[in-house]
Amino acid sequence: MTWLLNRLFENQQPTPRFAFQGTVNWMRALSILVDEGAFSNDSLREFYNLVQRRTLNEEADTLAFACMLMAMHNVAALQKTTELDEPYSCVRSAIVAWYYATYYASKSMIAAATGGDPQTHSKTGKIWQTEIAVGDLAVAPFNLNFEDITPTNIENKIAEIRNGNPHDLSHMPTNHEEAFGAAISYLKGTAEYEKSRLEEEVRDNSEFKRQGFADFRTKAARELRDARLSRAHVNFLTQAFRYRGKANYRDAIYLSYGADNSAILTIFVKDLNNTACAFTKMAAHYVSRRCTQDNWRSFIDDIGAYAKFRLPYNLSEI
C-alpha cells in the first residue's frame, strides 16, 4: 500500500478495489437501465399522460423553472466533461455536478407537485418519497424505494424486489439483468447505511440511555430502535446523497490517485452524464404537465433565447 494511503487510513482503510467498483458499477448499471427506451420523449409523454395540471400557482411555477435551470446547467457541465481528453482532472467535479443535477431536478418536480420548497437535502428526500416515489411518478430505475428499514423488512423488501436476480456490484454490468441486480445491491447498501446511521441516533437518545441500554440485544431496546427505523425510507435521492458522500469524499482518493483507471473513468463520466440527463428530462416532462401551458411555453422560449450554456435536450420537444 502506498505511503499516502497508509497515512490517510492508518486504522480503518477501505479496500481500494471495492470502493472503486461500487462507484463506477452503480453508475454503469443506471446508465444501462436508462438507455432501454423509457426516457425517450414519446415514452415519457405516455408515462405522464394521466398527470393532471394543477390549479394556477405562479410561485410554484417560478420555483420549478428556477430549479430546472439549475439542473440543466449541471448536466451541461457534465456534457462538457465528457469531451475532455482525460477524466482524472474533473471526475470529482463531475460527481458533484451529477448530484446537483439530480437534486435540483427533484426539487423542480416537488415544486410542480405541491409547491413545496424543502430547504435541506434530507427534507427534499422525504418529500420526494411521499409525493413522487409513493405516487409512482418516477420512471424506473429512479422509482426504486421502500419504507420501513427495520432489519427484517430490509431483507424481505430486497428479496421481493430482486426476485431471484443474483447479480451485485462486484462486476461491471453489461446487460439489463446484471444492471438491475447492481441497482438493487446499491439500494440494499443504502438501506443498511441508513439503518446504521439511525441506530446511532437512537443510541444517543435520552430514553435509550435512561433505560440503560448498551446495544439492541434486548427486546425492549430493539422496540425502541424499530420505532424509529419503521418510519424511515430509502429512495433514489437517499442513494444519490449517500453516493455523493462516498464517491466524492470518503472514497475520492481512488478517483485521483493510485492505479491508472483512465479507460474505466472515461466511461464513468459518460455514465454520469447519461443518467443525469435522463433524470432531468424526466423531471422536465413532469413539470410540463403540472404547470400552466402558457408558463411552460414562456419558459422554454426564454431558455432557448437566453441560456448561455448548451441545453442538454430540446425543451420544445417536451
C-alpha atoms as a PDB file:
ATOM      1  CA  MET A   1       0.000   0.000   0.000  1.00  0.00           C
ATOM      2  CA  THR A   2       1.259   3.494  -0.796  1.00  0.00           C
ATOM      3  CA  TRP A   3       2.628   5.934   1.748  1.00  0.00           C
ATOM      4  CA  LEU A   4      -0.272   8.411   1.437  1.00  0.00           C
ATOM      5  CA  LEU A   5      -2.964   5.750   1.754  1.00  0.00           C
ATOM      6  CA  ASN A   6      -1.292   4.420   4.881  1.00  0.00           C
ATOM      7  CA  ARG A   7      -1.271   7.890   6.403  1.00  0.00           C
ATOM      8  CA  LEU A   8      -4.858   8.681   5.456  1.00  0.00           C
ATOM      9  CA  PHE A   9      -6.307   5.357   6.556  1.00  0.00           C
ATOM     10  CA  GLU A  10      -3.969   4.259   9.308  1.00  0.00           C
ATOM     11  CA  ASN A  11      -6.599   2.446  11.340  1.00  0.00           C
ATOM     12  CA  GLN A  12      -9.502   1.735   9.010  1.00  0.00           C
ATOM     13  CA  GLN A  13      -8.562   1.548   5.372  1.00  0.00           C
ATOM     14  CA  PRO A  14     -11.283   0.854   2.768  1.00  0.00           C
ATOM     15  CA  THR A  15     -10.395  -1.701   0.119  1.00  0.00           C
ATOM     16  CA  PRO A  16      -9.434   0.348  -2.957  1.00  0.00           C
ATOM     17  CA  ARG A  17     -10.792  -2.171  -5.448  1.00  0.00           C
ATOM     18  CA  PHE A  18     -14.179  -2.451  -3.727  1.00  0.00           C
ATOM     19  CA  ALA A  19     -14.539   1.308  -3.211  1.00  0.00           C
ATOM     20  CA  PHE A  20     -13.794   1.950  -6.865  1.00  0.00           C
ATOM     21  CA  GLN A  21     -16.089  -0.853  -8.038  1.00  0.00           C
ATOM     22  CA  GLY A  22     -19.051   0.441  -6.078  1.00  0.00           C
ATOM     23  CA  THR A  23     -18.603   3.924  -7.507  1.00  0.00           C
ATOM     24  CA  VAL A  24     -18.344   3.045 -11.189  1.00  0.00           C
ATOM     25  CA  ASN A  25     -20.518  -0.078 -11.334  1.00  0.00           C
ATOM     26  CA  TRP A  26     -23.641   1.536  -9.876  1.00  0.00           C
ATOM     27  CA  MET A  27     -23.451   4.359 -12.392  1.00  0.00           C
ATOM     28  CA  ARG A  28     -22.788   1.877 -15.214  1.00  0.00           C
ATOM     29  CA  ALA A  29     -25.913  -0.019 -14.106  1.00  0.00           C
ATOM     30  CA  LEU A  30     -28.079   3.106 -14.067  1.00  0.00           C
ATOM     31  CA  SER A  31     -26.794   4.151 -17.478  1.00  0.00           C
ATOM     32  CA  ILE A  32     -27.673   0.765 -18.982  1.00  0.00           C
ATOM     33  CA  LEU A  33     -31.162   0.885 -17.469  1.00  0.00           C
ATOM     34  CA  VAL A  34     -31.983   4.416 -18.671  1.00  0.00           C
ATOM     35  CA  ASP A  35     -30.898   3.507 -22.201  1.00  0.00           C
ATOM     36  CA  GLU A  36     -33.678   0.946 -22.652  1.00  0.00           C
ATOM     37  CA  GLY A  37     -36.227   3.352 -24.140  1.00  0.00           C
ATOM     38  CA  ALA A  38     -38.215   4.602 -21.154  1.00  0.00           C
ATOM     39  CA  PHE A  39     -36.652   8.077 -21.371  1.00  0.00           C
ATOM     40  CA  SER A  40     -37.486   8.899 -24.961  1.00  0.00           C
ATOM     41  CA  ASN A  41     -39.857  11.837 -25.327  1.00  0.00           C
ATOM     42  CA  ASP A  42     -42.616   9.550 -26.563  1.00  0.00           C
ATOM     43  CA  SER A  43     -42.228   7.179 -23.602  1.00  0.00           C
ATOM     44  CA  LEU A  44     -42.126   9.989 -21.058  1.00  0.00           C
ATOM     45  CA  ARG A  45     -45.197  11.645 -22.573  1.00  0.00           C
ATOM     46  CA  GLU A  46     -47.039   8.350 -22.285  1.00  0.00           C
ATOM     47  CA  PHE A  47     -45.811   7.787 -18.706  1.00  0.00           C
ATOM     48  CA  TYR A  48     -47.092  11.184 -17.547  1.00  0.00           C
ATOM     49  CA  ASN A  49     -50.178  11.221 -19.747  1.00  0.00           C
ATOM     50  CA  LEU A  50     -52.596  10.994 -16.807  1.00  0.00           C
ATOM     51  CA  VAL A  51     -50.892  13.650 -14.672  1.00  0.00           C
ATOM     52  CA  GLN A  52     -53.378  16.447 -14.019  1.00  0.00           C
ATOM     53  CA  ARG A  53     -52.497  20.107 -14.485  1.00  0.00           C
ATOM     54  CA  ARG A  54     -52.793  21.777 -11.099  1.00  0.00           C
ATOM     55  CA  THR A  55     -54.567  24.962 -10.167  1.00  0.00           C
ATOM     56  CA  LEU A  56     -52.655  28.075 -11.189  1.00  0.00           C
ATOM     57  CA  ASN A  57     -49.766  28.693  -8.778  1.00  0.00           C
ATOM     58  CA  GLU A  58     -47.355  31.283 -10.153  1.00  0.00           C
ATOM     59  CA  GLU A  59     -44.919  30.985  -7.246  1.00  0.00           C
ATOM     60  CA  ALA A  60     -44.689  27.208  -7.612  1.00  0.00           C
ATOM     61  CA  ASP A  61     -44.174  27.500 -11.381  1.00  0.00           C
ATOM     62  CA  THR A  62     -41.383  30.019 -10.843  1.00  0.00           C
ATOM     63  CA  LEU A  63     -39.655  27.751  -8.332  1.00  0.00           C
ATOM     64  CA  ALA A  64     -39.964  24.763 -10.665  1.00  0.00           C
ATOM     65  CA  PHE A  65     -38.405  26.714 -13.533  1.00  0.00           C
ATOM     66  CA  ALA A  66     -35.572  28.056 -11.370  1.00  0.00           C
ATOM     67  CA  CYS A  67     -34.689  24.544 -10.174  1.00  0.00           C
ATOM     68  CA  MET A  68     -34.955  23.150 -13.691  1.00  0.00           C
ATOM     69  CA  LEU A  69     -32.495  25.784 -14.917  1.00  0.00           C
ATOM     70  CA  MET A  70     -30.028  24.771 -12.182  1.00  0.00           C
ATOM     71  CA  ALA A  71     -30.449  21.093 -13.042  1.00  0.00           C
ATOM     72  CA  MET A  72     -29.857  21.597 -16.760  1.00  0.00           C
ATOM     73  CA  HIS A  73     -26.819  23.778 -16.125  1.00  0.00           C
ATOM     74  CA  ASN A  74     -25.229  20.951 -14.128  1.00  0.00           C
ATOM     75  CA  VAL A  75     -25.994  18.491 -16.934  1.00  0.00           C
ATOM     76  CA  ALA A  76     -24.349  20.895 -19.363  1.00  0.00           C
ATOM     77  CA  ALA A  77     -21.225  20.801 -17.197  1.00  0.00           C
ATOM     78  CA  LEU A  78     -21.269  17.013 -17.336  1.00  0.00           C
ATOM     79  CA  GLN A  79     -21.644  17.016 -21.095  1.00  0.00           C
ATOM     80  CA  LYS A  80     -18.630  19.286 -21.405  1.00  0.00           C
ATOM     81  CA  THR A  81     -16.667  16.983 -19.118  1.00  0.00           C
ATOM     82  CA  THR A  82     -17.247  14.049 -21.473  1.00  0.00           C
ATOM     83  CA  GLU A  83     -15.423  15.964 -24.226  1.00  0.00           C
ATOM     84  CA  LEU A  84     -12.141  16.300 -22.327  1.00  0.00           C
ATOM     85  CA  ASP A  85      -9.087  14.251 -23.272  1.00  0.00           C
ATOM     86  CA  GLU A  86      -8.682  12.645 -19.836  1.00  0.00           C
ATOM     87  CA  PRO A  87     -11.143  12.172 -16.956  1.00  0.00           C
ATOM     88  CA  TYR A  88      -8.993  12.365 -13.825  1.00  0.00           C
ATOM     89  CA  SER A  89      -8.766  16.144 -13.521  1.00  0.00           C
ATOM     90  CA  CYS A  90     -12.541  16.583 -13.430  1.00  0.00           C
ATOM     91  CA  VAL A  91     -14.059  13.328 -12.179  1.00  0.00           C
ATOM     92  CA  ARG A  92     -14.847  14.556  -8.664  1.00  0.00           C
ATOM     93  CA  SER A  93     -16.397  17.742 -10.063  1.00  0.00           C
ATOM     94  CA  ALA A  94     -18.427  15.539 -12.401  1.00  0.00           C
ATOM     95  CA  ILE A  95     -19.854  13.627  -9.432  1.00  0.00           C
ATOM     96  CA  VAL A  96     -20.847  16.895  -7.769  1.00  0.00           C
ATOM     97  CA  ALA A  97     -22.482  18.116 -10.991  1.00  0.00           C
ATOM     98  CA  TRP A  98     -24.327  14.789 -11.286  1.00  0.00           C
ATOM     99  CA  TYR A  99     -25.627  15.095  -7.759  1.00  0.00           C
ATOM    100  CA  TYR A 100     -26.839  18.674  -8.122  1.00  0.00           C
ATOM    101  CA  ALA A 101     -28.462  17.939 -11.462  1.00  0.00           C
ATOM    102  CA  THR A 102     -30.403  15.206  -9.663  1.00  0.00           C
ATOM    103  CA  TYR A 103     -31.094  17.314  -6.586  1.00  0.00           C
ATOM    104  CA  TYR A 104     -32.421  20.370  -8.424  1.00  0.00           C
ATOM    105  CA  ALA A 105     -34.437  18.295 -10.879  1.00  0.00           C
ATOM    106  CA  SER A 106     -36.111  16.569  -7.923  1.00  0.00           C
ATOM    107  CA  LYS A 107     -36.814  19.956  -6.320  1.00  0.00           C
ATOM    108  CA  SER A 108     -38.354  21.071  -9.606  1.00  0.00           C
ATOM    109  CA  MET A 109     -40.698  18.080  -9.533  1.00  0.00           C
ATOM    110  CA  ILE A 110     -41.610  18.751  -5.899  1.00  0.00           C
ATOM    111  CA  ALA A 111     -42.378  22.392  -6.684  1.00  0.00           C
ATOM    112  CA  ALA A 112     -44.581  21.278  -9.572  1.00  0.00           C
ATOM    113  CA  ALA A 113     -46.271  18.616  -7.444  1.00  0.00           C
ATOM    114  CA  THR A 114     -47.040  20.572  -4.278  1.00  0.00           C
ATOM    115  CA  GLY A 115     -45.441  23.995  -4.472  1.00  0.00           C
ATOM    116  CA  GLY A 116     -43.074  22.840  -1.732  1.00  0.00           C
ATOM    117  CA  ASP A 117     -39.581  24.255  -1.329  1.00  0.00           C
ATOM    118  CA  PRO A 118     -37.655  21.991   1.101  1.00  0.00           C
ATOM    119  CA  GLN A 119     -34.514  23.712   2.340  1.00  0.00           C
ATOM    120  CA  THR A 120     -32.352  20.694   3.176  1.00  0.00           C
ATOM    121  CA  HIS A 121     -31.294  17.581   1.292  1.00  0.00           C
ATOM    122  CA  SER A 122     -32.943  15.286   3.852  1.00  0.00           C
ATOM    123  CA  LYS A 123     -36.265  17.159   3.685  1.00  0.00           C
ATOM    124  CA  THR A 124     -36.136  17.050  -0.098  1.00  0.00           C
ATOM    125  CA  GLY A 125     -35.664  13.274   0.050  1.00  0.00           C
ATOM    126  CA  LYS A 126     -38.568  12.931   2.492  1.00  0.00           C
ATOM    127  CA  ILE A 127     -40.976  14.932   0.324  1.00  0.00           C
ATOM    128  CA  TRP A 128     -39.728  13.118  -2.789  1.00  0.00           C
ATOM    129  CA  GLN A 129     -40.721   9.887  -1.043  1.00  0.00           C
ATOM    130  CA  THR A 130     -44.280  10.939  -0.200  1.00  0.00           C
ATOM    131  CA  GLU A 131     -45.098  12.970  -3.300  1.00  0.00           C
ATOM    132  CA  ILE A 132     -43.085  11.374  -6.111  1.00  0.00           C
ATOM    133  CA  ALA A 133     -41.867   7.876  -5.213  1.00  0.00           C
ATOM    134  CA  VAL A 134     -45.010   6.665  -3.430  1.00  0.00           C
ATOM    135  CA  GLY A 135     -47.135   8.334  -6.093  1.00  0.00           C
ATOM    136  CA  ASP A 136     -45.408   6.299  -8.844  1.00  0.00           C
ATOM    137  CA  LEU A 137     -44.284   9.497 -10.550  1.00  0.00           C
ATOM    138  CA  ALA A 138     -40.672   8.440 -11.139  1.00  0.00           C
ATOM    139  CA  VAL A 139     -39.601   6.254 -14.046  1.00  0.00           C
ATOM    140  CA  ALA A 140     -37.543   3.103 -13.391  1.00  0.00           C
ATOM    141  CA  PRO A 141     -34.811   2.814 -12.197  1.00  0.00           C
ATOM    142  CA  PHE A 142     -35.376   6.107 -10.363  1.00  0.00           C
ATOM    143  CA  ASN A 143     -38.531   4.699  -8.785  1.00  0.00           C
ATOM    144  CA  LEU A 144     -36.788   2.133  -6.552  1.00  0.00           C
ATOM    145  CA  ASN A 145     -37.809   2.766  -2.960  1.00  0.00           C
ATOM    146  CA  PHE A 146     -39.328   1.286   0.136  1.00  0.00           C
ATOM    147  CA  GLU A 147     -40.369   2.381   3.612  1.00  0.00           C
ATOM    148  CA  ASP A 148     -39.594   0.764   6.971  1.00  0.00           C
ATOM    149  CA  ILE A 149     -35.873  -0.028   7.178  1.00  0.00           C
ATOM    150  CA  THR A 150     -36.000  -2.367  10.151  1.00  0.00           C
ATOM    151  CA  PRO A 151     -33.569  -5.259   9.547  1.00  0.00           C
ATOM    152  CA  THR A 152     -36.283  -7.798   8.763  1.00  0.00           C
ATOM    153  CA  ASN A 153     -38.076  -5.506   6.361  1.00  0.00           C
ATOM    154  CA  ILE A 154     -34.876  -4.611   4.514  1.00  0.00           C
ATOM    155  CA  GLU A 155     -34.209  -8.303   3.971  1.00  0.00           C
ATOM    156  CA  ASN A 156     -37.795  -9.002   2.885  1.00  0.00           C
ATOM    157  CA  LYS A 157     -38.141  -5.993   0.582  1.00  0.00           C
ATOM    158  CA  ILE A 158     -34.814  -6.522  -1.153  1.00  0.00           C
ATOM    159  CA  ALA A 159     -35.653 -10.187  -1.734  1.00  0.00           C
ATOM    160  CA  GLU A 160     -39.021  -9.150  -3.156  1.00  0.00           C
ATOM    161  CA  ILE A 161     -37.574  -6.526  -5.490  1.00  0.00           C
ATOM    162  CA  ARG A 162     -34.617  -8.690  -6.500  1.00  0.00           C
ATOM    163  CA  ASN A 163     -36.927 -11.614  -7.332  1.00  0.00           C
ATOM    164  CA  GLY A 164     -34.067 -14.078  -7.628  1.00  0.00           C
ATOM    165  CA  ASN A 165     -31.677 -11.810  -9.538  1.00  0.00           C
ATOM    166  CA  PRO A 166     -28.193 -12.975  -8.411  1.00  0.00           C
ATOM    167  CA  HIS A 167     -26.120 -10.024  -9.656  1.00  0.00           C
ATOM    168  CA  ASP A 168     -24.470  -7.374  -7.482  1.00  0.00           C
ATOM    169  CA  LEU A 169     -21.911  -4.562  -7.641  1.00  0.00           C
ATOM    170  CA  SER A 170     -18.841  -6.797  -7.705  1.00  0.00           C
ATOM    171  CA  HIS A 171     -18.719  -6.868 -11.519  1.00  0.00           C
ATOM    172  CA  MET A 172     -19.329  -4.153 -14.084  1.00  0.00           C
ATOM    173  CA  PRO A 173     -22.749  -4.872 -15.608  1.00  0.00           C
ATOM    174  CA  THR A 174     -23.116  -5.457 -19.333  1.00  0.00           C
ATOM    175  CA  ASN A 175     -26.844  -6.139 -19.748  1.00  0.00           C
ATOM    176  CA  HIS A 176     -30.249  -5.494 -18.156  1.00  0.00           C
ATOM    177  CA  GLU A 177     -30.191  -8.372 -15.683  1.00  0.00           C
ATOM    178  CA  GLU A 178     -26.735  -7.524 -14.392  1.00  0.00           C
ATOM    179  CA  ALA A 179     -27.582  -3.816 -14.242  1.00  0.00           C
ATOM    180  CA  PHE A 180     -30.816  -4.425 -12.342  1.00  0.00           C
ATOM    181  CA  GLY A 181     -29.032  -6.660  -9.841  1.00  0.00           C
ATOM    182  CA  ALA A 182     -26.367  -3.996  -9.297  1.00  0.00           C
ATOM    183  CA  ALA A 183     -29.036  -1.337  -8.794  1.00  0.00           C
ATOM    184  CA  ILE A 184     -30.767  -3.480  -6.179  1.00  0.00           C
ATOM    185  CA  SER A 185     -27.458  -4.050  -4.422  1.00  0.00           C
ATOM    186  CA  TYR A 186     -26.904  -0.310  -4.117  1.00  0.00           C
ATOM    187  CA  LEU A 187     -30.452   0.125  -2.824  1.00  0.00           C
ATOM    188  CA  LYS A 188     -29.766  -2.521  -0.179  1.00  0.00           C
ATOM    189  CA  GLY A 189     -26.433  -0.956   0.754  1.00  0.00           C
ATOM    190  CA  THR A 190     -28.068   2.433   1.157  1.00  0.00           C
ATOM    191  CA  ALA A 191     -30.864   0.988   3.296  1.00  0.00           C
ATOM    192  CA  GLU A 192     -28.310  -0.674   5.563  1.00  0.00           C
ATOM    193  CA  TYR A 193     -26.278   2.531   5.716  1.00  0.00           C
ATOM    194  CA  GLU A 194     -29.379   4.494   6.733  1.00  0.00           C
ATOM    195  CA  LYS A 195     -30.243   1.829   9.291  1.00  0.00           C
ATOM    196  CA  SER A 196     -26.789   2.124  10.878  1.00  0.00           C
ATOM    197  CA  ARG A 197     -26.947   5.913  10.845  1.00  0.00           C
ATOM    198  CA  LEU A 198     -30.322   5.973  12.558  1.00  0.00           C
ATOM    199  CA  GLU A 199     -29.228   3.349  15.078  1.00  0.00           C
ATOM    200  CA  GLU A 200     -26.515   5.764  16.184  1.00  0.00           C
ATOM    201  CA  GLU A 201     -29.163   8.431  16.667  1.00  0.00           C
ATOM    202  CA  VAL A 202     -31.183   6.028  18.792  1.00  0.00           C
ATOM    203  CA  ARG A 203     -28.115   5.222  20.904  1.00  0.00           C
ATOM    204  CA  ASP A 204     -27.739   8.933  21.593  1.00  0.00           C
ATOM    205  CA  ASN A 205     -31.403   9.247  22.500  1.00  0.00           C
ATOM    206  CA  SER A 206     -32.122  10.161  26.127  1.00  0.00           C
ATOM    207  CA  GLU A 207     -34.707   7.381  26.506  1.00  0.00           C
ATOM    208  CA  PHE A 208     -32.211   4.775  25.282  1.00  0.00           C
ATOM    209  CA  LYS A 209     -29.674   5.995  27.812  1.00  0.00           C
ATOM    210  CA  ARG A 210     -32.241   6.345  30.609  1.00  0.00           C
ATOM    211  CA  GLN A 211     -33.177   2.673  30.303  1.00  0.00           C
ATOM    212  CA  GLY A 212     -29.522   1.694  30.487  1.00  0.00           C
ATOM    213  CA  PHE A 213     -29.315   0.005  27.088  1.00  0.00           C
ATOM    214  CA  ALA A 214     -25.849  -0.566  25.619  1.00  0.00           C
ATOM    215  CA  ASP A 215     -26.947  -2.274  22.382  1.00  0.00           C
ATOM    216  CA  PHE A 216     -30.006  -3.753  20.689  1.00  0.00           C
ATOM    217  CA  ARG A 217     -29.808  -7.253  22.067  1.00  0.00           C
ATOM    218  CA  THR A 218     -32.841  -6.949  24.315  1.00  0.00           C
ATOM    219  CA  LYS A 219     -36.388  -6.873  23.017  1.00  0.00           C
ATOM    220  CA  ALA A 220     -37.068  -3.519  24.658  1.00  0.00           C
ATOM    221  CA  ALA A 221     -34.027  -1.933  23.035  1.00  0.00           C
ATOM    222  CA  ARG A 222     -34.985  -3.332  19.617  1.00  0.00           C
ATOM    223  CA  GLU A 223     -38.513  -1.996  20.004  1.00  0.00           C
ATOM    224  CA  LEU A 224     -37.145   1.468  20.722  1.00  0.00           C
ATOM    225  CA  ARG A 225     -34.879   1.208  17.670  1.00  0.00           C
ATOM    226  CA  ASP A 226     -37.532  -0.225  15.374  1.00  0.00           C
ATOM    227  CA  ALA A 227     -39.988   2.520  16.268  1.00  0.00           C
ATOM    228  CA  ARG A 228     -37.511   4.885  14.618  1.00  0.00           C
ATOM    229  CA  LEU A 229     -36.492   2.634  11.709  1.00  0.00           C
ATOM    230  CA  SER A 230     -40.066   1.743  10.749  1.00  0.00           C
ATOM    231  CA  ARG A 231     -40.767   5.391   9.922  1.00  0.00           C
ATOM    232  CA  ALA A 232     -37.697   5.753   7.693  1.00  0.00           C
ATOM    233  CA  HIS A 233     -37.369   5.186   3.963  1.00  0.00           C
ATOM    234  CA  VAL A 234     -34.838   4.720   1.182  1.00  0.00           C
ATOM    235  CA  ASN A 235     -35.301   6.078  -2.343  1.00  0.00           C
ATOM    236  CA  PHE A 236     -33.259   7.389  -5.254  1.00  0.00           C
ATOM    237  CA  LEU A 237     -32.466  10.690  -3.549  1.00  0.00           C
ATOM    238  CA  THR A 238     -31.306   8.826  -0.446  1.00  0.00           C
ATOM    239  CA  GLN A 239     -28.984   6.842  -2.694  1.00  0.00           C
ATOM    240  CA  ALA A 240     -27.783   9.941  -4.544  1.00  0.00           C
ATOM    241  CA  PHE A 241     -26.937  11.763  -1.312  1.00  0.00           C
ATOM    242  CA  ARG A 242     -25.039   8.745   0.005  1.00  0.00           C
ATOM    243  CA  TYR A 243     -23.258   8.381  -3.335  1.00  0.00           C
ATOM    244  CA  ARG A 244     -22.035  11.962  -3.308  1.00  0.00           C
ATOM    245  CA  GLY A 245     -20.608  11.418   0.169  1.00  0.00           C
ATOM    246  CA  LYS A 246     -18.962   8.089  -0.623  1.00  0.00           C
ATOM    247  CA  ALA A 247     -17.594   8.838  -4.067  1.00  0.00           C
ATOM    248  CA  ASN A 248     -16.729  12.492  -3.662  1.00  0.00           C
ATOM    249  CA  TYR A 249     -15.476  12.457  -0.069  1.00  0.00           C
ATOM    250  CA  ARG A 250     -14.679   9.159   1.643  1.00  0.00           C
ATOM    251  CA  ASP A 251     -13.546   7.149  -1.379  1.00  0.00           C
ATOM    252  CA  ALA A 252     -12.449  10.067  -3.545  1.00  0.00           C
ATOM    253  CA  ILE A 253      -8.749   9.221  -3.334  1.00  0.00           C
ATOM    254  CA  TYR A 254      -9.360   6.210  -5.575  1.00  0.00           C
ATOM    255  CA  LEU A 255     -10.635   8.565  -8.281  1.00  0.00           C
ATOM    256  CA  SER A 256      -7.483  10.677  -8.321  1.00  0.00           C
ATOM    257  CA  TYR A 257      -4.584   8.549  -7.133  1.00  0.00           C
ATOM    258  CA  GLY A 258      -3.057   5.096  -7.390  1.00  0.00           C
ATOM    259  CA  ALA A 259      -3.764   2.678 -10.225  1.00  0.00           C
ATOM    260  CA  ASP A 260      -4.483   4.101 -13.668  1.00  0.00           C
ATOM    261  CA  ASN A 261      -8.164   3.540 -14.480  1.00  0.00           C
ATOM    262  CA  SER A 262      -8.451   6.145 -17.218  1.00  0.00           C
ATOM    263  CA  ALA A 263     -10.407   3.906 -19.606  1.00  0.00           C
ATOM    264  CA  ILE A 264     -12.982   2.998 -16.971  1.00  0.00           C
ATOM    265  CA  LEU A 265     -13.315   6.581 -15.756  1.00  0.00           C
ATOM    266  CA  THR A 266     -13.873   7.812 -19.299  1.00  0.00           C
ATOM    267  CA  ILE A 267     -16.931   5.533 -19.437  1.00  0.00           C
ATOM    268  CA  PHE A 268     -17.876   6.561 -15.897  1.00  0.00           C
ATOM    269  CA  VAL A 269     -18.055  10.275 -16.728  1.00  0.00           C
ATOM    270  CA  LYS A 270     -20.253   9.482 -19.732  1.00  0.00           C
ATOM    271  CA  ASP A 271     -22.490   7.374 -17.483  1.00  0.00           C
ATOM    272  CA  LEU A 272     -22.829  10.261 -15.020  1.00  0.00           C
ATOM    273  CA  ASN A 273     -23.907  12.482 -17.888  1.00  0.00           C
ATOM    274  CA  ASN A 274     -26.299   9.902 -19.310  1.00  0.00           C
ATOM    275  CA  THR A 275     -28.132   9.248 -16.045  1.00  0.00           C
ATOM    276  CA  ALA A 276     -28.305  12.928 -15.056  1.00  0.00           C
ATOM    277  CA  CYS A 277     -29.661  13.795 -18.487  1.00  0.00           C
ATOM    278  CA  ALA A 278     -32.341  11.089 -18.179  1.00  0.00           C
ATOM    279  CA  PHE A 279     -33.346  12.181 -14.677  1.00  0.00           C
ATOM    280  CA  THR A 280     -33.648  15.869 -15.556  1.00  0.00           C
ATOM    281  CA  LYS A 281     -35.513  15.067 -18.778  1.00  0.00           C
ATOM    282  CA  MET A 282     -37.973  13.009 -16.733  1.00  0.00           C
ATOM    283  CA  ALA A 283     -38.413  15.977 -14.392  1.00  0.00           C
ATOM    284  CA  ALA A 284     -38.964  18.361 -17.310  1.00  0.00           C
ATOM    285  CA  HIS A 285     -41.762  16.188 -18.683  1.00  0.00           C
ATOM    286  CA  TYR A 286     -43.470  16.057 -15.304  1.00  0.00           C
ATOM    287  CA  VAL A 287     -43.139  19.813 -14.741  1.00  0.00           C
ATOM    288  CA  SER A 288     -44.536  20.491 -18.224  1.00  0.00           C
ATOM    289  CA  ARG A 289     -47.670  18.530 -17.281  1.00  0.00           C
ATOM    290  CA  ARG A 290     -48.214  20.291 -13.946  1.00  0.00           C
ATOM    291  CA  CYS A 291     -47.544  23.987 -14.620  1.00  0.00           C
ATOM    292  CA  THR A 292     -49.713  26.157 -16.849  1.00  0.00           C
ATOM    293  CA  GLN A 293     -49.209  25.650 -20.567  1.00  0.00           C
ATOM    294  CA  ASP A 294     -48.540  29.347 -21.108  1.00  0.00           C
ATOM    295  CA  ASN A 295     -45.865  29.414 -18.399  1.00  0.00           C
ATOM    296  CA  TRP A 296     -44.165  26.320 -19.791  1.00  0.00           C
ATOM    297  CA  ARG A 297     -44.120  27.775 -23.283  1.00  0.00           C
ATOM    298  CA  SER A 298     -42.723  31.066 -21.988  1.00  0.00           C
ATOM    299  CA  PHE A 299     -40.068  29.196 -20.017  1.00  0.00           C
ATOM    300  CA  ILE A 300     -38.762  27.131 -22.932  1.00  0.00           C
ATOM    301  CA  ASP A 301     -38.865  30.092 -25.321  1.00  0.00           C
ATOM    302  CA  ASP A 302     -36.907  32.227 -22.885  1.00  0.00           C
ATOM    303  CA  ILE A 303     -34.364  29.495 -22.108  1.00  0.00           C
ATOM    304  CA  GLY A 304     -33.867  28.856 -25.802  1.00  0.00           C
ATOM    305  CA  ALA A 305     -33.184  32.526 -26.415  1.00  0.00           C
ATOM    306  CA  TYR A 306     -31.042  33.468 -23.432  1.00  0.00           C
ATOM    307  CA  ALA A 307     -29.367  30.418 -21.881  1.00  0.00           C
ATOM    308  CA  LYS A 308     -25.591  30.822 -22.092  1.00  0.00           C
ATOM    309  CA  PHE A 309     -24.869  27.094 -21.918  1.00  0.00           C
ATOM    310  CA  ARG A 310     -25.690  24.254 -24.282  1.00  0.00           C
ATOM    311  CA  LEU A 311     -29.063  22.794 -23.352  1.00  0.00           C
ATOM    312  CA  PRO A 312     -28.910  19.005 -22.778  1.00  0.00           C
ATOM    313  CA  TYR A 313     -32.067  18.350 -24.822  1.00  0.00           C
ATOM    314  CA  ASN A 314     -34.611  20.228 -26.898  1.00  0.00           C
ATOM    315  CA  LEU A 315     -37.228  21.513 -24.469  1.00  0.00           C
ATOM    316  CA  SER A 316     -39.598  22.394 -27.306  1.00  0.00           C
ATOM    317  CA  GLU A 317     -39.994  18.644 -27.958  1.00  0.00           C
ATOM    318  CA  ILE A 318     -41.311  18.055 -24.427  1.00  0.00           C
END
